[in-house]
């Protein structure tokens, strides 16, 4: 439920037409993402934890996964996966970049919407956000050139249910 776009668009990685869909340097995450990890007091997975089932991992970690989020990888590697955060309270989040318009639907507690999410900032998806995996009814991986976009479908947000 956090929107980390505090530093403005000028500090985000700018993609040229040839860069869209390609993986950025995985060892150099954008500052906003580093700040989010720090704010949530998350640590990276260890080598021993790499590939472990998300249920078996301790709270307070981050790793990488495709839509299923069954297990986490310590490094994004050559895959085009989303960053996944497991907060201290045990709640698991998809973390990625989307447009302000799509993120606005989430913050407006709208029902039946989707958020087209990228693992790294892009021209039309430059705002960092996180959403609990449990809020997402379906996640679809959509091929885009050398990688993927992730379409996160939300039918309702649990706080809205009475």
N, C-alpha and C. Protein backbone atom coordinates (compact mmCIF):
# COMPACT_ATOMS: atom_id res chain seq x y z
N UNK A 1 0.81 -1.19 0.00
CA UNK A 1 0.00 0.00 0.00
C UNK A 1 0.85 1.25 0.00
N UNK A 2 2.06 1.11 -0.41
CA UNK A 2 2.98 2.23 -0.43
C UNK A 2 3.26 2.62 -1.86
N UNK A 3 3.32 3.89 -2.13
CA UNK A 3 3.69 4.39 -3.44
C UNK A 3 5.01 5.11 -3.26
N UNK A 4 6.03 4.58 -3.86
CA UNK A 4 7.36 5.17 -3.72
C UNK A 4 7.76 5.83 -5.02
N UNK A 5 7.23 6.98 -5.25
CA UNK A 5 7.58 7.78 -6.42
C UNK A 5 7.97 9.16 -5.93
N UNK A 6 8.62 9.19 -4.74
CA UNK A 6 8.93 10.43 -4.06
C UNK A 6 10.02 11.24 -4.75
N UNK A 7 10.84 10.59 -5.52
CA UNK A 7 12.01 11.28 -6.07
C UNK A 7 11.76 11.81 -7.46
N UNK A 8 10.58 11.65 -7.97
CA UNK A 8 10.27 12.19 -9.30
C UNK A 8 10.82 11.33 -10.40
N UNK A 9 10.34 11.59 -11.56
CA UNK A 9 10.70 10.79 -12.72
C UNK A 9 12.15 11.01 -13.17
N UNK A 10 12.72 12.16 -12.86
CA UNK A 10 14.07 12.41 -13.37
C UNK A 10 15.13 11.50 -12.75
N UNK A 11 14.85 10.88 -11.60
CA UNK A 11 15.85 9.99 -11.00
C UNK A 11 15.69 8.56 -11.45
N UNK A 12 14.62 8.24 -12.19
CA UNK A 12 14.41 6.88 -12.65
C UNK A 12 15.20 6.63 -13.92
N UNK A 13 15.49 5.38 -14.17
CA UNK A 13 16.20 5.00 -15.37
C UNK A 13 15.34 5.33 -16.58
N UNK A 14 15.89 6.04 -17.53
CA UNK A 14 15.16 6.36 -18.76
C UNK A 14 15.50 5.31 -19.81
N UNK A 15 14.49 4.79 -20.45
CA UNK A 15 14.69 3.77 -21.48
C UNK A 15 14.61 4.39 -22.86
N UNK A 16 15.50 3.98 -23.72
CA UNK A 16 15.40 4.38 -25.11
C UNK A 16 14.52 3.34 -25.80
N UNK A 17 14.16 3.60 -27.03
CA UNK A 17 13.31 2.67 -27.76
C UNK A 17 13.96 1.27 -27.79
N UNK A 18 15.28 1.19 -27.93
CA UNK A 18 15.96 -0.10 -27.99
C UNK A 18 16.06 -0.77 -26.63
N UNK A 19 15.91 -0.02 -25.53
CA UNK A 19 16.03 -0.58 -24.20
C UNK A 19 14.72 -1.16 -23.67
N UNK A 20 13.59 -0.77 -24.23
CA UNK A 20 12.31 -1.21 -23.71
C UNK A 20 12.22 -2.72 -23.79
N UNK A 21 11.86 -3.35 -22.67
CA UNK A 21 11.72 -4.79 -22.61
C UNK A 21 12.99 -5.52 -22.28
N UNK A 22 14.13 -4.85 -22.26
CA UNK A 22 15.38 -5.49 -21.91
C UNK A 22 15.63 -5.34 -20.42
N UNK A 23 16.33 -6.30 -19.87
CA UNK A 23 16.65 -6.25 -18.45
C UNK A 23 17.70 -5.18 -18.19
N UNK A 24 17.48 -4.31 -17.20
CA UNK A 24 18.52 -3.39 -16.80
C UNK A 24 19.57 -4.14 -16.01
N UNK A 25 20.65 -3.49 -15.65
CA UNK A 25 21.69 -4.09 -14.84
C UNK A 25 21.08 -4.51 -13.51
N UNK A 26 21.01 -5.84 -13.25
CA UNK A 26 20.33 -6.33 -12.05
C UNK A 26 21.09 -5.99 -10.78
N UNK A 27 22.34 -5.63 -10.88
CA UNK A 27 23.12 -5.27 -9.70
C UNK A 27 22.93 -3.82 -9.32
N UNK A 28 22.20 -3.05 -10.09
CA UNK A 28 22.02 -1.63 -9.82
C UNK A 28 20.54 -1.26 -9.81
N UNK A 29 19.80 -1.67 -8.74
CA UNK A 29 18.39 -1.31 -8.69
C UNK A 29 18.21 0.19 -8.51
N UNK A 30 17.09 0.75 -9.00
CA UNK A 30 16.84 2.18 -8.82
C UNK A 30 16.80 2.55 -7.34
N UNK A 31 17.14 3.79 -7.04
CA UNK A 31 17.20 4.29 -5.66
C UNK A 31 15.88 4.07 -4.93
N UNK A 32 14.77 4.31 -5.56
CA UNK A 32 13.47 4.13 -4.92
C UNK A 32 13.26 2.71 -4.42
N UNK A 33 13.73 1.74 -5.18
CA UNK A 33 13.61 0.35 -4.78
C UNK A 33 14.51 0.05 -3.59
N UNK A 34 15.72 0.58 -3.61
CA UNK A 34 16.62 0.41 -2.46
C UNK A 34 16.01 1.02 -1.21
N UNK A 35 15.40 2.20 -1.36
CA UNK A 35 14.77 2.87 -0.22
C UNK A 35 13.58 2.07 0.31
N UNK A 36 12.81 1.47 -0.60
CA UNK A 36 11.67 0.65 -0.19
C UNK A 36 12.15 -0.57 0.60
N UNK A 37 13.17 -1.24 0.11
CA UNK A 37 13.74 -2.39 0.83
C UNK A 37 14.20 -1.96 2.23
N UNK A 38 14.88 -0.83 2.29
CA UNK A 38 15.39 -0.32 3.56
C UNK A 38 14.24 0.04 4.50
N UNK A 39 13.21 0.72 3.99
CA UNK A 39 12.07 1.13 4.81
C UNK A 39 11.35 -0.08 5.40
N UNK A 40 11.29 -1.17 4.65
CA UNK A 40 10.63 -2.39 5.12
C UNK A 40 11.60 -3.31 5.88
N UNK A 41 12.85 -2.89 5.99
CA UNK A 41 13.90 -3.66 6.68
C UNK A 41 14.02 -5.08 6.13
N UNK A 42 14.11 -5.15 4.79
CA UNK A 42 14.21 -6.44 4.11
C UNK A 42 15.66 -6.77 3.79
N UNK A 43 15.97 -8.03 3.85
CA UNK A 43 17.29 -8.49 3.45
C UNK A 43 17.14 -9.42 2.26
N UNK A 44 18.19 -9.52 1.43
CA UNK A 44 18.11 -10.45 0.29
C UNK A 44 18.16 -11.90 0.79
N UNK A 45 17.65 -12.79 -0.04
CA UNK A 45 17.75 -14.21 0.28
C UNK A 45 19.22 -14.62 0.32
N UNK A 46 19.52 -15.59 1.13
CA UNK A 46 20.87 -16.15 1.16
C UNK A 46 20.97 -17.24 0.09
N UNK A 47 22.17 -17.69 -0.18
CA UNK A 47 22.39 -18.76 -1.14
C UNK A 47 21.64 -20.02 -0.72
N UNK A 48 21.63 -20.31 0.55
CA UNK A 48 20.95 -21.50 1.06
C UNK A 48 19.44 -21.39 0.87
N UNK A 49 18.88 -20.19 0.96
CA UNK A 49 17.43 -19.98 0.82
C UNK A 49 16.98 -19.93 -0.64
N UNK A 50 17.92 -19.79 -1.56
CA UNK A 50 17.59 -19.64 -2.98
C UNK A 50 16.75 -20.82 -3.46
N UNK A 51 15.59 -20.51 -4.04
CA UNK A 51 14.70 -21.54 -4.56
C UNK A 51 13.75 -22.12 -3.54
N UNK A 52 13.80 -21.63 -2.29
CA UNK A 52 12.94 -22.16 -1.24
C UNK A 52 11.49 -21.74 -1.44
N UNK A 53 10.59 -22.55 -0.92
CA UNK A 53 9.17 -22.24 -0.95
C UNK A 53 8.93 -21.00 -0.11
N UNK A 54 8.10 -20.10 -0.58
CA UNK A 54 7.83 -18.83 0.11
C UNK A 54 7.32 -19.07 1.53
N UNK A 55 6.55 -20.14 1.74
CA UNK A 55 6.03 -20.44 3.08
C UNK A 55 7.15 -20.79 4.05
N UNK A 56 8.25 -21.36 3.54
CA UNK A 56 9.35 -21.80 4.40
C UNK A 56 10.37 -20.71 4.68
N UNK A 57 10.24 -19.57 4.02
CA UNK A 57 11.20 -18.48 4.20
C UNK A 57 10.82 -17.62 5.40
N UNK A 58 11.81 -17.06 6.07
CA UNK A 58 11.50 -16.18 7.19
C UNK A 58 10.89 -14.87 6.70
N UNK A 59 10.25 -14.16 7.58
CA UNK A 59 9.73 -12.83 7.25
C UNK A 59 10.90 -11.87 7.11
N UNK A 60 10.68 -10.77 6.39
CA UNK A 60 11.71 -9.74 6.26
C UNK A 60 12.73 -10.01 5.16
N UNK A 61 12.31 -10.70 4.09
CA UNK A 61 13.23 -11.00 2.99
C UNK A 61 12.64 -10.52 1.67
N UNK A 62 13.51 -10.42 0.66
CA UNK A 62 13.04 -10.17 -0.69
C UNK A 62 13.78 -11.11 -1.64
N UNK A 63 13.11 -11.40 -2.75
CA UNK A 63 13.68 -12.24 -3.78
C UNK A 63 12.93 -11.98 -5.07
N UNK A 64 12.98 -12.93 -5.99
CA UNK A 64 12.41 -12.74 -7.32
C UNK A 64 11.61 -13.97 -7.73
N UNK A 65 10.50 -13.73 -8.45
CA UNK A 65 9.64 -14.82 -8.89
C UNK A 65 8.80 -14.37 -10.07
N UNK A 66 8.28 -15.33 -10.78
CA UNK A 66 7.29 -15.06 -11.80
C UNK A 66 5.94 -14.98 -11.08
N UNK A 67 4.84 -15.04 -11.79
CA UNK A 67 3.51 -14.86 -11.21
C UNK A 67 3.19 -15.81 -10.06
N UNK A 68 3.62 -17.04 -10.15
CA UNK A 68 3.19 -18.06 -9.19
C UNK A 68 3.58 -17.78 -7.75
N UNK A 69 4.72 -17.17 -7.51
CA UNK A 69 5.24 -16.86 -6.18
C UNK A 69 5.22 -18.08 -5.26
N UNK A 70 5.50 -19.26 -5.81
CA UNK A 70 5.61 -20.46 -4.99
C UNK A 70 6.96 -20.47 -4.29
N UNK A 71 8.00 -20.15 -5.04
CA UNK A 71 9.34 -20.11 -4.48
C UNK A 71 10.01 -18.82 -4.92
N UNK A 72 11.07 -18.44 -4.19
CA UNK A 72 11.80 -17.23 -4.53
C UNK A 72 13.23 -17.56 -4.92
N UNK A 73 13.74 -16.77 -5.84
CA UNK A 73 15.14 -16.86 -6.25
C UNK A 73 15.89 -15.70 -5.61
N UNK A 74 17.15 -15.92 -5.30
CA UNK A 74 17.97 -14.88 -4.67
C UNK A 74 18.36 -13.79 -5.67
N UNK A 75 18.52 -14.17 -6.92
CA UNK A 75 18.93 -13.21 -7.96
C UNK A 75 17.92 -13.25 -9.09
N UNK A 76 17.73 -12.09 -9.70
CA UNK A 76 16.84 -12.04 -10.86
C UNK A 76 17.47 -12.83 -12.00
N UNK A 77 18.79 -12.82 -12.09
CA UNK A 77 19.49 -13.57 -13.12
C UNK A 77 19.07 -13.15 -14.51
N UNK A 78 18.95 -14.12 -15.40
CA UNK A 78 18.58 -13.81 -16.77
C UNK A 78 17.07 -13.93 -16.99
N UNK A 79 16.32 -14.10 -15.90
CA UNK A 79 14.87 -14.14 -16.03
C UNK A 79 14.32 -12.72 -15.91
N UNK A 80 13.09 -12.56 -16.29
CA UNK A 80 12.44 -11.25 -16.25
C UNK A 80 11.35 -11.33 -15.19
N UNK A 81 11.75 -11.54 -13.94
CA UNK A 81 10.80 -11.78 -12.86
C UNK A 81 10.55 -10.52 -12.04
N UNK A 82 9.44 -10.55 -11.30
CA UNK A 82 9.11 -9.45 -10.40
C UNK A 82 9.84 -9.62 -9.08
N UNK A 83 10.09 -8.50 -8.44
CA UNK A 83 10.63 -8.56 -7.09
C UNK A 83 9.47 -8.87 -6.16
N UNK A 84 9.74 -9.73 -5.18
CA UNK A 84 8.74 -10.15 -4.21
C UNK A 84 9.27 -9.81 -2.83
N UNK A 85 8.43 -9.15 -2.01
CA UNK A 85 8.81 -8.81 -0.64
C UNK A 85 7.95 -9.60 0.33
N UNK A 86 8.59 -10.16 1.34
CA UNK A 86 7.86 -10.81 2.44
C UNK A 86 8.16 -9.97 3.68
N UNK A 87 7.18 -9.17 4.06
CA UNK A 87 7.35 -8.23 5.17
C UNK A 87 7.44 -8.96 6.51
N UNK A 88 7.80 -8.21 7.54
CA UNK A 88 7.93 -8.77 8.89
C UNK A 88 6.63 -9.37 9.41
N UNK A 89 5.50 -8.89 8.90
CA UNK A 89 4.21 -9.43 9.34
C UNK A 89 3.80 -10.67 8.54
N UNK A 90 4.66 -11.11 7.61
CA UNK A 90 4.39 -12.31 6.81
C UNK A 90 3.62 -12.07 5.54
N UNK A 91 3.17 -10.84 5.31
CA UNK A 91 2.43 -10.54 4.08
C UNK A 91 3.41 -10.47 2.91
N UNK A 92 3.04 -11.12 1.81
CA UNK A 92 3.88 -11.20 0.62
C UNK A 92 3.35 -10.21 -0.42
N UNK A 93 4.26 -9.45 -1.04
CA UNK A 93 3.90 -8.40 -1.98
C UNK A 93 4.58 -8.59 -3.33
N UNK A 94 3.82 -8.31 -4.40
CA UNK A 94 4.42 -8.08 -5.71
C UNK A 94 4.96 -6.65 -5.67
N UNK A 95 6.14 -6.43 -6.23
CA UNK A 95 6.72 -5.10 -6.31
C UNK A 95 7.11 -4.84 -7.75
N UNK A 96 6.68 -3.71 -8.28
CA UNK A 96 7.00 -3.40 -9.66
C UNK A 96 6.67 -1.96 -9.99
N UNK A 97 6.66 -1.68 -11.26
CA UNK A 97 6.41 -0.33 -11.77
C UNK A 97 5.16 -0.35 -12.64
N UNK A 98 4.35 0.68 -12.49
CA UNK A 98 3.13 0.81 -13.28
C UNK A 98 2.85 2.29 -13.50
N UNK A 99 1.82 2.57 -14.28
CA UNK A 99 1.44 3.96 -14.53
C UNK A 99 0.70 4.50 -13.31
N UNK A 100 0.76 5.81 -13.13
CA UNK A 100 0.03 6.46 -12.04
C UNK A 100 -1.46 6.18 -12.15
N UNK A 101 -1.98 6.15 -13.37
CA UNK A 101 -3.40 5.90 -13.59
C UNK A 101 -3.81 4.53 -13.07
N UNK A 102 -3.02 3.51 -13.38
CA UNK A 102 -3.37 2.16 -12.93
C UNK A 102 -3.20 2.01 -11.42
N UNK A 103 -2.16 2.61 -10.87
CA UNK A 103 -1.96 2.55 -9.42
C UNK A 103 -3.09 3.31 -8.71
N UNK A 104 -3.59 4.38 -9.32
CA UNK A 104 -4.69 5.14 -8.75
C UNK A 104 -5.92 4.30 -8.52
N UNK A 105 -6.18 3.34 -9.39
CA UNK A 105 -7.33 2.44 -9.22
C UNK A 105 -7.19 1.62 -7.95
N UNK A 106 -5.98 1.23 -7.66
CA UNK A 106 -5.70 0.46 -6.45
C UNK A 106 -5.94 1.32 -5.21
N UNK A 107 -5.40 2.51 -5.20
CA UNK A 107 -5.55 3.39 -4.04
C UNK A 107 -6.98 3.90 -3.88
N UNK A 108 -7.76 3.91 -4.96
CA UNK A 108 -9.16 4.30 -4.89
C UNK A 108 -10.04 3.13 -4.43
N UNK A 109 -9.42 1.99 -4.16
CA UNK A 109 -10.11 0.78 -3.72
C UNK A 109 -11.18 0.34 -4.73
N UNK A 110 -10.86 0.55 -5.99
CA UNK A 110 -11.76 0.16 -7.08
C UNK A 110 -11.85 -1.36 -7.16
N UNK A 111 -12.98 -1.86 -7.63
CA UNK A 111 -13.16 -3.30 -7.85
C UNK A 111 -12.95 -3.60 -9.33
N UNK A 112 -12.54 -4.83 -9.61
CA UNK A 112 -12.39 -5.34 -10.98
C UNK A 112 -11.52 -4.46 -11.86
N UNK A 113 -10.25 -4.45 -11.59
CA UNK A 113 -9.30 -3.71 -12.40
C UNK A 113 -8.02 -4.54 -12.53
N UNK A 114 -7.14 -4.07 -13.38
CA UNK A 114 -5.85 -4.73 -13.49
C UNK A 114 -4.76 -3.67 -13.55
N UNK A 115 -3.57 -4.11 -13.16
CA UNK A 115 -2.41 -3.24 -13.18
C UNK A 115 -1.34 -3.92 -14.02
N UNK A 116 -1.00 -3.32 -15.14
CA UNK A 116 0.06 -3.82 -16.00
C UNK A 116 1.38 -3.39 -15.37
N UNK A 117 2.18 -4.36 -14.95
CA UNK A 117 3.35 -4.13 -14.11
C UNK A 117 4.63 -4.55 -14.80
N UNK A 118 5.66 -3.75 -14.63
CA UNK A 118 6.99 -4.05 -15.18
C UNK A 118 7.97 -4.23 -14.03
N UNK A 119 8.96 -5.12 -14.19
CA UNK A 119 9.97 -5.29 -13.15
C UNK A 119 10.93 -4.10 -13.02
N UNK A 120 10.94 -3.23 -14.02
CA UNK A 120 11.82 -2.06 -13.97
C UNK A 120 11.07 -0.86 -14.57
N UNK A 121 11.49 0.35 -14.23
CA UNK A 121 10.77 1.53 -14.73
C UNK A 121 10.83 1.64 -16.24
N UNK A 122 9.70 2.04 -16.81
CA UNK A 122 9.58 2.28 -18.24
C UNK A 122 8.86 3.62 -18.42
N UNK A 123 8.85 4.15 -19.62
CA UNK A 123 8.22 5.45 -19.86
C UNK A 123 6.80 5.53 -19.33
N UNK A 124 5.96 4.56 -19.65
CA UNK A 124 4.55 4.62 -19.24
C UNK A 124 4.29 3.85 -17.96
N UNK A 125 5.31 3.30 -17.36
CA UNK A 125 5.18 2.56 -16.10
C UNK A 125 6.39 2.91 -15.23
N UNK A 126 6.35 4.11 -14.67
CA UNK A 126 7.54 4.61 -13.98
C UNK A 126 7.37 4.79 -12.48
N UNK A 127 6.19 4.45 -11.95
CA UNK A 127 5.95 4.62 -10.51
C UNK A 127 6.07 3.28 -9.80
N UNK A 128 6.89 3.25 -8.77
CA UNK A 128 7.12 2.05 -7.98
C UNK A 128 5.95 1.84 -7.02
N UNK A 129 5.48 0.59 -6.93
CA UNK A 129 4.41 0.28 -5.99
C UNK A 129 4.53 -1.17 -5.54
N UNK A 130 3.81 -1.49 -4.49
CA UNK A 130 3.71 -2.87 -4.06
C UNK A 130 2.24 -3.16 -3.73
N UNK A 131 1.85 -4.40 -4.00
CA UNK A 131 0.47 -4.83 -3.74
C UNK A 131 0.53 -6.24 -3.17
N UNK A 132 -0.23 -6.51 -2.10
CA UNK A 132 -0.22 -7.86 -1.53
C UNK A 132 -0.61 -8.92 -2.58
N UNK A 133 0.12 -10.00 -2.60
CA UNK A 133 -0.17 -11.10 -3.52
C UNK A 133 -1.60 -11.59 -3.30
N UNK A 134 -2.08 -11.59 -2.05
CA UNK A 134 -3.43 -12.06 -1.76
C UNK A 134 -4.52 -11.18 -2.36
N UNK A 135 -4.21 -9.93 -2.72
CA UNK A 135 -5.19 -9.05 -3.35
C UNK A 135 -5.35 -9.36 -4.84
N UNK A 136 -4.39 -10.07 -5.40
CA UNK A 136 -4.37 -10.33 -6.85
C UNK A 136 -5.05 -11.67 -7.12
N UNK A 137 -6.17 -11.61 -7.85
CA UNK A 137 -6.91 -12.84 -8.14
C UNK A 137 -6.26 -13.65 -9.26
N UNK A 138 -5.55 -12.96 -10.15
CA UNK A 138 -4.87 -13.65 -11.25
C UNK A 138 -3.69 -12.80 -11.70
N UNK A 139 -2.60 -13.45 -12.00
CA UNK A 139 -1.41 -12.78 -12.54
C UNK A 139 -1.06 -13.49 -13.84
N UNK A 140 -0.93 -12.70 -14.91
CA UNK A 140 -0.56 -13.27 -16.21
C UNK A 140 0.75 -12.66 -16.68
N UNK A 141 1.62 -13.51 -17.17
CA UNK A 141 2.89 -13.06 -17.75
C UNK A 141 2.66 -12.78 -19.22
N UNK A 142 3.01 -11.58 -19.65
CA UNK A 142 2.82 -11.18 -21.04
C UNK A 142 4.17 -10.91 -21.68
N UNK A 143 4.53 -11.69 -22.72
CA UNK A 143 5.82 -11.48 -23.38
C UNK A 143 5.93 -10.06 -23.96
N UNK A 144 7.09 -9.48 -23.80
CA UNK A 144 7.39 -8.17 -24.37
C UNK A 144 8.85 -8.20 -24.80
N UNK A 145 9.08 -8.28 -26.07
CA UNK A 145 10.43 -8.33 -26.65
C UNK A 145 11.28 -9.38 -25.94
N UNK A 146 12.29 -8.95 -25.17
CA UNK A 146 13.21 -9.89 -24.52
C UNK A 146 12.79 -10.24 -23.10
N UNK A 147 11.58 -9.88 -22.69
CA UNK A 147 11.19 -10.11 -21.31
C UNK A 147 9.69 -10.27 -21.15
N UNK A 148 9.18 -9.85 -20.01
CA UNK A 148 7.77 -9.98 -19.69
C UNK A 148 7.25 -8.73 -19.01
N UNK A 149 5.95 -8.49 -19.19
CA UNK A 149 5.18 -7.60 -18.34
C UNK A 149 4.26 -8.51 -17.55
N UNK A 150 3.76 -8.02 -16.43
CA UNK A 150 2.89 -8.82 -15.59
C UNK A 150 1.56 -8.10 -15.44
N UNK A 151 0.48 -8.80 -15.76
CA UNK A 151 -0.86 -8.23 -15.66
C UNK A 151 -1.48 -8.76 -14.37
N UNK A 152 -1.62 -7.86 -13.39
CA UNK A 152 -2.16 -8.23 -12.08
C UNK A 152 -3.64 -7.87 -12.04
N UNK A 153 -4.51 -8.87 -11.92
CA UNK A 153 -5.96 -8.67 -11.88
C UNK A 153 -6.43 -8.64 -10.43
N UNK A 154 -7.21 -7.62 -10.10
CA UNK A 154 -7.76 -7.48 -8.74
C UNK A 154 -9.28 -7.43 -8.88
N UNK A 155 -9.99 -8.38 -8.27
CA UNK A 155 -11.45 -8.36 -8.33
C UNK A 155 -12.03 -7.53 -7.20
N UNK A 156 -11.43 -7.61 -6.03
CA UNK A 156 -11.84 -6.76 -4.91
C UNK A 156 -10.71 -6.75 -3.90
N UNK A 157 -10.67 -5.69 -3.14
CA UNK A 157 -9.66 -5.56 -2.09
C UNK A 157 -10.33 -5.99 -0.79
N UNK A 158 -9.72 -6.90 -0.03
CA UNK A 158 -10.38 -7.47 1.15
C UNK A 158 -10.99 -6.46 2.11
N UNK A 159 -10.41 -5.28 2.28
CA UNK A 159 -10.99 -4.28 3.18
C UNK A 159 -12.38 -3.84 2.75
N UNK A 160 -12.69 -4.01 1.44
CA UNK A 160 -13.98 -3.60 0.92
C UNK A 160 -15.08 -4.61 1.21
N UNK A 161 -14.70 -5.83 1.52
CA UNK A 161 -15.70 -6.87 1.74
C UNK A 161 -16.35 -6.70 3.11
N UNK A 162 -17.65 -6.85 3.14
CA UNK A 162 -18.38 -6.73 4.41
C UNK A 162 -19.19 -7.95 4.70
